[in-house]
Amino acid sequence: MSKRILYRPYNYVILAFLIGLLVLVASLLFVGFVGLAFRRIGFSPQTTILILVATFVGSYINIPLLKVKTVIPVIREEYVSF
């Protein structure tokens, strides 16, 4: 077997930095648009920040509203051979 040389035109550190930058910019745009919407409704900047923080903290809490019993199983095991 011969060894192949893989050419990667980018460095993983640079790629991780660019992905982190993309996440940061996207989140700042989201907070900016939502904050602008709350301010146009009539909330003060302090109330807008409080609502955004409460939204982000509350998104980590999952409260189930109801449980549904099913007759047919939801998860089925299937074996496929090829």
C-alpha atoms as a PDB file:
ATOM      1  CA  MET A   1       0.000   0.000   0.000  1.00  0.00           C
ATOM      2  CA  SER A   2       1.311   3.383  -0.896  1.00  0.00           C
ATOM      3  CA  LYS A   3       0.963   6.319   1.441  1.00  0.00           C
ATOM      4  CA  ARG A   4      -1.197   9.102   0.181  1.00  0.00           C
ATOM      5  CA  ILE A   5      -0.608  12.710   1.016  1.00  0.00           C
ATOM      6  CA  LEU A   6      -3.764  14.607   1.762  1.00  0.00           C
ATOM      7  CA  TYR A   7      -3.661  18.283   0.942  1.00  0.00           C
ATOM      8  CA  ARG A   8      -5.654  20.398   3.327  1.00  0.00           C
ATOM      9  CA  PRO A   9      -5.693  24.033   2.242  1.00  0.00           C
ATOM     10  CA  TYR A  10      -6.767  25.124   5.723  1.00  0.00           C
ATOM     11  CA  ASN A  11      -5.585  24.669   9.257  1.00  0.00           C
ATOM     12  CA  TYR A  12      -7.918  23.229  11.906  1.00  0.00           C
ATOM     13  CA  VAL A  13      -7.157  26.091  14.268  1.00  0.00           C
ATOM     14  CA  ILE A  14      -8.192  28.630  11.657  1.00  0.00           C
ATOM     15  CA  LEU A  15     -11.304  26.604  10.837  1.00  0.00           C
ATOM     16  CA  ALA A  16     -12.292  26.426  14.528  1.00  0.00           C
ATOM     17  CA  PHE A  17     -11.689  30.168  14.852  1.00  0.00           C
ATOM     18  CA  LEU A  18     -13.873  30.921  11.824  1.00  0.00           C
ATOM     19  CA  ILE A  19     -16.676  28.662  13.068  1.00  0.00           C
ATOM     20  CA  GLY A  20     -16.513  30.335  16.495  1.00  0.00           C
ATOM     21  CA  LEU A  21     -16.601  33.739  14.825  1.00  0.00           C
ATOM     22  CA  LEU A  22     -19.627  32.687  12.776  1.00  0.00           C
ATOM     23  CA  VAL A  23     -21.469  31.524  15.913  1.00  0.00           C
ATOM     24  CA  LEU A  24     -20.592  34.770  17.709  1.00  0.00           C
ATOM     25  CA  VAL A  25     -21.751  36.991  14.847  1.00  0.00           C
ATOM     26  CA  ALA A  26     -24.960  34.988  14.352  1.00  0.00           C
ATOM     27  CA  SER A  27     -25.809  35.160  18.056  1.00  0.00           C
ATOM     28  CA  LEU A  28     -25.103  38.901  18.208  1.00  0.00           C
ATOM     29  CA  LEU A  29     -27.325  39.457  15.168  1.00  0.00           C
ATOM     30  CA  PHE A  30     -30.096  37.388  16.791  1.00  0.00           C
ATOM     31  CA  VAL A  31     -29.867  39.302  20.066  1.00  0.00           C
ATOM     32  CA  GLY A  32     -29.767  42.581  18.148  1.00  0.00           C
ATOM     33  CA  PHE A  33     -32.863  41.794  16.077  1.00  0.00           C
ATOM     34  CA  VAL A  34     -34.838  40.478  19.043  1.00  0.00           C
ATOM     35  CA  GLY A  35     -33.764  43.433  21.166  1.00  0.00           C
ATOM     36  CA  LEU A  36     -34.828  45.834  18.440  1.00  0.00           C
ATOM     37  CA  ALA A  37     -38.206  44.121  18.178  1.00  0.00           C
ATOM     38  CA  PHE A  38     -38.772  44.380  21.945  1.00  0.00           C
ATOM     39  CA  ARG A  39     -37.741  48.035  21.949  1.00  0.00           C
ATOM     40  CA  ARG A  40     -40.151  48.802  19.090  1.00  0.00           C
ATOM     41  CA  ILE A  41     -42.944  47.205  21.101  1.00  0.00           C
ATOM     42  CA  GLY A  42     -42.181  49.651  23.891  1.00  0.00           C
ATOM     43  CA  PHE A  43     -39.969  47.831  26.402  1.00  0.00           C
ATOM     44  CA  SER A  44     -37.056  49.655  27.986  1.00  0.00           C
ATOM     45  CA  PRO A  45     -33.514  48.413  27.285  1.00  0.00           C
ATOM     46  CA  GLN A  46     -33.246  46.990  30.830  1.00  0.00           C
ATOM     47  CA  THR A  47     -36.498  45.042  30.430  1.00  0.00           C
ATOM     48  CA  THR A  48     -35.348  43.795  27.021  1.00  0.00           C
ATOM     49  CA  ILE A  49     -32.097  42.460  28.500  1.00  0.00           C
ATOM     50  CA  LEU A  50     -34.032  40.839  31.357  1.00  0.00           C
ATOM     51  CA  ILE A  51     -36.405  39.139  28.896  1.00  0.00           C
ATOM     52  CA  LEU A  52     -33.515  37.890  26.732  1.00  0.00           C
ATOM     53  CA  VAL A  53     -31.611  36.495  29.725  1.00  0.00           C
ATOM     54  CA  ALA A  54     -34.768  34.859  31.083  1.00  0.00           C
ATOM     55  CA  THR A  55     -35.410  33.346  27.647  1.00  0.00           C
ATOM     56  CA  PHE A  56     -31.914  31.887  27.401  1.00  0.00           C
ATOM     57  CA  VAL A  57     -31.987  30.533  30.970  1.00  0.00           C
ATOM     58  CA  GLY A  58     -35.492  29.163  30.530  1.00  0.00           C
ATOM     59  CA  SER A  59     -34.582  27.371  27.319  1.00  0.00           C
ATOM     60  CA  TYR A  60     -32.495  24.913  29.355  1.00  0.00           C
ATOM     61  CA  ILE A  61     -35.534  23.832  31.351  1.00  0.00           C
ATOM     62  CA  ASN A  62     -37.830  21.310  29.686  1.00  0.00           C
ATOM     63  CA  ILE A  63     -41.300  20.979  31.194  1.00  0.00           C
ATOM     64  CA  PRO A  64     -43.342  18.183  29.606  1.00  0.00           C
ATOM     65  CA  LEU A  65     -46.910  19.283  29.046  1.00  0.00           C
ATOM     66  CA  LEU A  66     -48.523  15.884  28.575  1.00  0.00           C
ATOM     67  CA  LYS A  67     -47.743  12.224  28.007  1.00  0.00           C
ATOM     68  CA  VAL A  68     -49.412  10.241  25.268  1.00  0.00           C
ATOM     69  CA  LYS A  69     -49.838   6.478  25.444  1.00  0.00           C
ATOM     70  CA  THR A  70     -49.680   4.745  22.105  1.00  0.00           C
ATOM     71  CA  VAL A  71     -50.877   1.321  21.083  1.00  0.00           C
ATOM     72  CA  ILE A  72     -48.383   1.090  18.243  1.00  0.00           C
ATOM     73  CA  PRO A  73     -44.745   1.234  19.381  1.00  0.00           C
ATOM     74  CA  VAL A  74     -42.976   4.382  18.349  1.00  0.00           C
ATOM     75  CA  ILE A  75     -39.551   2.765  18.018  1.00  0.00           C
ATOM     76  CA  ARG A  76     -39.256  -0.305  15.865  1.00  0.00           C
ATOM     77  CA  GLU A  77     -36.184  -2.414  15.334  1.00  0.00           C
ATOM     78  CA  GLU A  78     -35.604  -3.441  11.795  1.00  0.00           C
ATOM     79  CA  TYR A  79     -32.799  -5.647  10.555  1.00  0.00           C
ATOM     80  CA  VAL A  80     -31.658  -5.120   7.020  1.00  0.00           C
ATOM     81  CA  SER A  81     -28.982  -7.289   5.496  1.00  0.00           C
ATOM     82  CA  PHE A  82     -27.398  -6.557   2.200  1.00  0.00           C
END
